[in-house]
Amino acid sequence: MKLFLAVGQKPDIFDPAVELAFPDDSRHLGPGQWLIAVDGLTTKEIADKVGASSGEKGRMFISALGSYWGWHETDLWEWIEARKNKVG
């Protein structure tokens, strides 16, 4: 699966939209901050699915991640690892 970072300016409307669009393939990092693991979608298509392509959910940014590093809870790294190895 491909890993994406999605960041929204208005967490009160962005967060529920991401959670609804990707209930099993998203991980909340903090207010307005999400990891999304999905294959076969572009960043634009993710924004479309969230309903945020034209500013409907405030300013947002979505990027495909090729490399990452950080200090976070163990279950985040386990979530990423499980999805990296998932096919389809």
N, C-alpha and C. Protein backbone atom coordinates (compact mmCIF):
# COMPACT_ATOMS: atom_id res chain seq x y z
N MET A 1 0.84 -1.18 0.00
CA MET A 1 0.00 0.00 0.00
C MET A 1 0.88 1.24 0.00
N LYS A 2 0.39 2.28 -0.59
CA LYS A 2 1.10 3.54 -0.64
C LYS A 2 0.66 4.40 0.55
N LEU A 3 1.60 5.11 1.13
CA LEU A 3 1.35 5.92 2.32
C LEU A 3 1.28 7.39 1.95
N PHE A 4 0.25 8.09 2.43
CA PHE A 4 0.04 9.51 2.17
C PHE A 4 -0.08 10.27 3.49
N LEU A 5 0.34 11.51 3.48
CA LEU A 5 0.12 12.42 4.60
C LEU A 5 -0.93 13.42 4.16
N ALA A 6 -1.96 13.58 4.97
CA ALA A 6 -3.02 14.56 4.70
C ALA A 6 -3.10 15.51 5.89
N VAL A 7 -3.04 16.80 5.58
CA VAL A 7 -3.07 17.83 6.62
C VAL A 7 -4.17 18.83 6.27
N GLY A 8 -5.05 19.12 7.22
CA GLY A 8 -6.13 20.06 6.98
C GLY A 8 -6.12 21.20 7.98
N GLN A 9 -6.46 22.39 7.52
CA GLN A 9 -6.44 23.60 8.34
C GLN A 9 -7.58 23.62 9.36
N LYS A 10 -8.71 23.02 9.02
CA LYS A 10 -9.89 23.04 9.90
C LYS A 10 -10.20 21.62 10.38
N PRO A 11 -9.53 21.19 11.45
CA PRO A 11 -9.70 19.81 11.91
C PRO A 11 -11.14 19.43 12.24
N ASP A 12 -11.92 20.40 12.68
CA ASP A 12 -13.30 20.09 13.06
C ASP A 12 -14.13 19.57 11.89
N ILE A 13 -13.79 19.96 10.65
CA ILE A 13 -14.51 19.42 9.49
C ILE A 13 -13.63 18.48 8.64
N PHE A 14 -12.32 18.67 8.69
CA PHE A 14 -11.42 17.82 7.91
C PHE A 14 -11.30 16.42 8.52
N ASP A 15 -11.12 16.35 9.83
CA ASP A 15 -10.92 15.06 10.49
C ASP A 15 -12.08 14.09 10.28
N PRO A 16 -13.33 14.51 10.51
CA PRO A 16 -14.44 13.57 10.28
C PRO A 16 -14.55 13.13 8.81
N ALA A 17 -14.19 14.02 7.89
CA ALA A 17 -14.27 13.69 6.47
C ALA A 17 -13.25 12.62 6.10
N VAL A 18 -12.04 12.72 6.63
CA VAL A 18 -11.00 11.71 6.36
C VAL A 18 -11.42 10.38 6.98
N GLU A 19 -11.88 10.44 8.21
CA GLU A 19 -12.29 9.21 8.90
C GLU A 19 -13.44 8.52 8.17
N LEU A 20 -14.37 9.28 7.65
CA LEU A 20 -15.50 8.71 6.91
C LEU A 20 -15.06 8.13 5.57
N ALA A 21 -14.15 8.82 4.88
CA ALA A 21 -13.69 8.39 3.56
C ALA A 21 -12.77 7.17 3.63
N PHE A 22 -11.98 7.08 4.69
CA PHE A 22 -10.99 6.00 4.82
C PHE A 22 -11.04 5.38 6.22
N PRO A 23 -12.16 4.77 6.59
CA PRO A 23 -12.32 4.28 7.96
C PRO A 23 -11.31 3.22 8.38
N ASP A 24 -10.89 2.37 7.46
CA ASP A 24 -9.96 1.29 7.80
C ASP A 24 -8.54 1.56 7.32
N ASP A 25 -8.35 2.65 6.58
CA ASP A 25 -7.05 2.92 5.97
C ASP A 25 -6.48 4.27 6.36
N SER A 26 -6.90 4.80 7.50
CA SER A 26 -6.37 6.09 7.95
C SER A 26 -5.95 6.00 9.41
N ARG A 27 -4.99 6.83 9.77
CA ARG A 27 -4.47 6.88 11.14
C ARG A 27 -4.35 8.33 11.53
N HIS A 28 -5.09 8.72 12.57
CA HIS A 28 -5.08 10.10 13.06
C HIS A 28 -3.81 10.35 13.86
N LEU A 29 -3.07 11.38 13.48
CA LEU A 29 -1.82 11.73 14.17
C LEU A 29 -2.04 12.84 15.18
N GLY A 30 -2.91 13.77 14.85
CA GLY A 30 -3.19 14.93 15.68
C GLY A 30 -4.24 15.75 14.96
N PRO A 31 -4.69 16.85 15.55
CA PRO A 31 -5.72 17.66 14.90
C PRO A 31 -5.35 18.04 13.47
N GLY A 32 -6.17 17.58 12.52
CA GLY A 32 -5.94 17.91 11.12
C GLY A 32 -4.79 17.17 10.48
N GLN A 33 -4.27 16.12 11.11
CA GLN A 33 -3.10 15.40 10.62
C GLN A 33 -3.41 13.91 10.50
N TRP A 34 -3.26 13.37 9.29
CA TRP A 34 -3.63 11.99 9.03
C TRP A 34 -2.60 11.28 8.16
N LEU A 35 -2.43 9.98 8.41
CA LEU A 35 -1.78 9.09 7.47
C LEU A 35 -2.88 8.29 6.80
N ILE A 36 -2.77 8.11 5.50
CA ILE A 36 -3.72 7.32 4.74
C ILE A 36 -2.92 6.29 3.95
N ALA A 37 -3.31 5.03 4.05
CA ALA A 37 -2.64 3.95 3.33
C ALA A 37 -3.62 3.38 2.31
N VAL A 38 -3.32 3.57 1.03
CA VAL A 38 -4.23 3.12 -0.02
C VAL A 38 -3.46 2.93 -1.32
N ASP A 39 -3.89 1.98 -2.11
CA ASP A 39 -3.31 1.77 -3.44
C ASP A 39 -4.28 2.24 -4.49
N GLY A 40 -3.76 2.64 -5.63
CA GLY A 40 -4.59 2.95 -6.78
C GLY A 40 -5.22 4.33 -6.80
N LEU A 41 -4.87 5.19 -5.85
CA LEU A 41 -5.40 6.55 -5.84
C LEU A 41 -4.27 7.55 -5.89
N THR A 42 -4.52 8.67 -6.56
CA THR A 42 -3.57 9.79 -6.57
C THR A 42 -3.89 10.72 -5.40
N THR A 43 -3.04 11.68 -5.17
CA THR A 43 -3.31 12.66 -4.11
C THR A 43 -4.61 13.42 -4.41
N LYS A 44 -4.84 13.76 -5.67
CA LYS A 44 -6.07 14.45 -6.06
C LYS A 44 -7.29 13.58 -5.81
N GLU A 45 -7.19 12.30 -6.12
CA GLU A 45 -8.31 11.39 -5.90
C GLU A 45 -8.61 11.20 -4.42
N ILE A 46 -7.58 11.24 -3.60
CA ILE A 46 -7.79 11.19 -2.14
C ILE A 46 -8.54 12.44 -1.69
N ALA A 47 -8.10 13.59 -2.18
CA ALA A 47 -8.79 14.85 -1.84
C ALA A 47 -10.25 14.81 -2.30
N ASP A 48 -10.49 14.27 -3.49
CA ASP A 48 -11.86 14.14 -3.99
C ASP A 48 -12.69 13.26 -3.06
N LYS A 49 -12.13 12.14 -2.64
CA LYS A 49 -12.85 11.20 -1.78
C LYS A 49 -13.15 11.81 -0.42
N VAL A 50 -12.24 12.65 0.07
CA VAL A 50 -12.45 13.35 1.34
C VAL A 50 -13.46 14.50 1.17
N GLY A 51 -13.63 14.95 -0.07
CA GLY A 51 -14.53 16.07 -0.34
C GLY A 51 -13.86 17.40 -0.07
N ALA A 52 -12.55 17.45 -0.34
CA ALA A 52 -11.78 18.65 -0.01
C ALA A 52 -11.04 19.24 -1.21
N SER A 53 -11.37 18.83 -2.41
CA SER A 53 -10.61 19.25 -3.59
C SER A 53 -10.69 20.73 -3.91
N SER A 54 -11.78 21.36 -3.56
CA SER A 54 -11.97 22.77 -3.91
C SER A 54 -12.11 23.66 -2.70
N GLY A 55 -11.53 23.26 -1.59
CA GLY A 55 -11.56 24.08 -0.39
C GLY A 55 -12.78 23.88 0.48
N GLU A 56 -13.59 22.87 0.18
CA GLU A 56 -14.81 22.62 0.94
C GLU A 56 -14.53 22.36 2.42
N LYS A 57 -13.35 21.85 2.73
CA LYS A 57 -12.97 21.52 4.11
C LYS A 57 -11.88 22.46 4.63
N GLY A 58 -11.71 23.60 3.97
CA GLY A 58 -10.64 24.53 4.34
C GLY A 58 -9.37 24.18 3.59
N ARG A 59 -8.32 24.88 3.89
CA ARG A 59 -7.03 24.60 3.24
C ARG A 59 -6.54 23.23 3.67
N MET A 60 -5.96 22.50 2.73
CA MET A 60 -5.42 21.18 3.04
C MET A 60 -4.27 20.88 2.11
N PHE A 61 -3.50 19.86 2.51
CA PHE A 61 -2.33 19.43 1.76
C PHE A 61 -2.25 17.92 1.85
N ILE A 62 -2.06 17.25 0.72
CA ILE A 62 -1.91 15.80 0.69
C ILE A 62 -0.66 15.47 -0.11
N SER A 63 0.17 14.58 0.44
CA SER A 63 1.41 14.22 -0.22
C SER A 63 1.66 12.72 -0.06
N ALA A 64 2.18 12.10 -1.12
CA ALA A 64 2.63 10.71 -1.03
C ALA A 64 3.97 10.69 -0.28
N LEU A 65 4.12 9.73 0.60
CA LEU A 65 5.36 9.63 1.38
C LEU A 65 6.25 8.54 0.81
N GLY A 66 7.48 8.88 0.55
CA GLY A 66 8.45 7.90 0.07
C GLY A 66 9.42 7.51 1.17
N SER A 67 9.60 8.39 2.11
CA SER A 67 10.52 8.16 3.21
C SER A 67 9.97 8.89 4.43
N TYR A 68 10.23 8.37 5.59
CA TYR A 68 9.73 9.01 6.80
C TYR A 68 10.60 8.63 7.99
N TRP A 69 10.55 9.46 9.00
CA TRP A 69 11.26 9.22 10.25
C TRP A 69 10.54 9.99 11.32
N GLY A 70 10.57 9.52 12.52
CA GLY A 70 9.94 10.26 13.60
C GLY A 70 10.01 9.52 14.92
N TRP A 71 9.47 10.17 15.93
CA TRP A 71 9.38 9.61 17.26
C TRP A 71 7.90 9.64 17.62
N HIS A 72 7.29 8.46 17.75
CA HIS A 72 5.85 8.40 17.97
C HIS A 72 5.52 7.13 18.73
N GLU A 73 4.24 6.95 19.01
CA GLU A 73 3.78 5.76 19.72
C GLU A 73 4.08 4.50 18.92
N THR A 74 4.36 3.41 19.62
CA THR A 74 4.69 2.14 18.99
C THR A 74 3.60 1.68 18.03
N ASP A 75 2.34 1.89 18.40
CA ASP A 75 1.27 1.39 17.54
C ASP A 75 1.21 2.13 16.20
N LEU A 76 1.74 3.34 16.11
CA LEU A 76 1.81 4.02 14.81
C LEU A 76 2.75 3.27 13.88
N TRP A 77 3.93 2.91 14.37
CA TRP A 77 4.90 2.19 13.53
C TRP A 77 4.35 0.82 13.15
N GLU A 78 3.62 0.18 14.06
CA GLU A 78 3.01 -1.11 13.75
C GLU A 78 1.93 -0.94 12.67
N TRP A 79 1.15 0.14 12.75
CA TRP A 79 0.11 0.43 11.77
C TRP A 79 0.74 0.62 10.39
N ILE A 80 1.81 1.41 10.33
CA ILE A 80 2.51 1.65 9.06
C ILE A 80 3.07 0.34 8.50
N GLU A 81 3.74 -0.42 9.34
CA GLU A 81 4.35 -1.67 8.89
C GLU A 81 3.31 -2.65 8.35
N ALA A 82 2.18 -2.76 9.03
CA ALA A 82 1.11 -3.67 8.58
C ALA A 82 0.59 -3.27 7.22
N ARG A 83 0.48 -1.98 6.97
CA ARG A 83 -0.06 -1.51 5.69
C ARG A 83 0.98 -1.54 4.57
N LYS A 84 2.23 -1.33 4.92
CA LYS A 84 3.29 -1.41 3.90
C LYS A 84 3.33 -2.79 3.28
N ASN A 85 3.07 -3.79 4.08
CA ASN A 85 3.16 -5.18 3.63
C ASN A 85 1.85 -5.72 3.08
N LYS A 86 0.78 -4.92 3.16
CA LYS A 86 -0.54 -5.34 2.67
C LYS A 86 -0.60 -5.19 1.16
N VAL A 87 -1.11 -6.17 0.50
CA VAL A 87 -1.27 -6.13 -0.96
C VAL A 87 -2.71 -5.83 -1.28
N GLY A 88 -2.93 -4.84 -2.20
CA GLY A 88 -4.28 -4.51 -2.66
C GLY A 88 -5.01 -3.76 -1.65
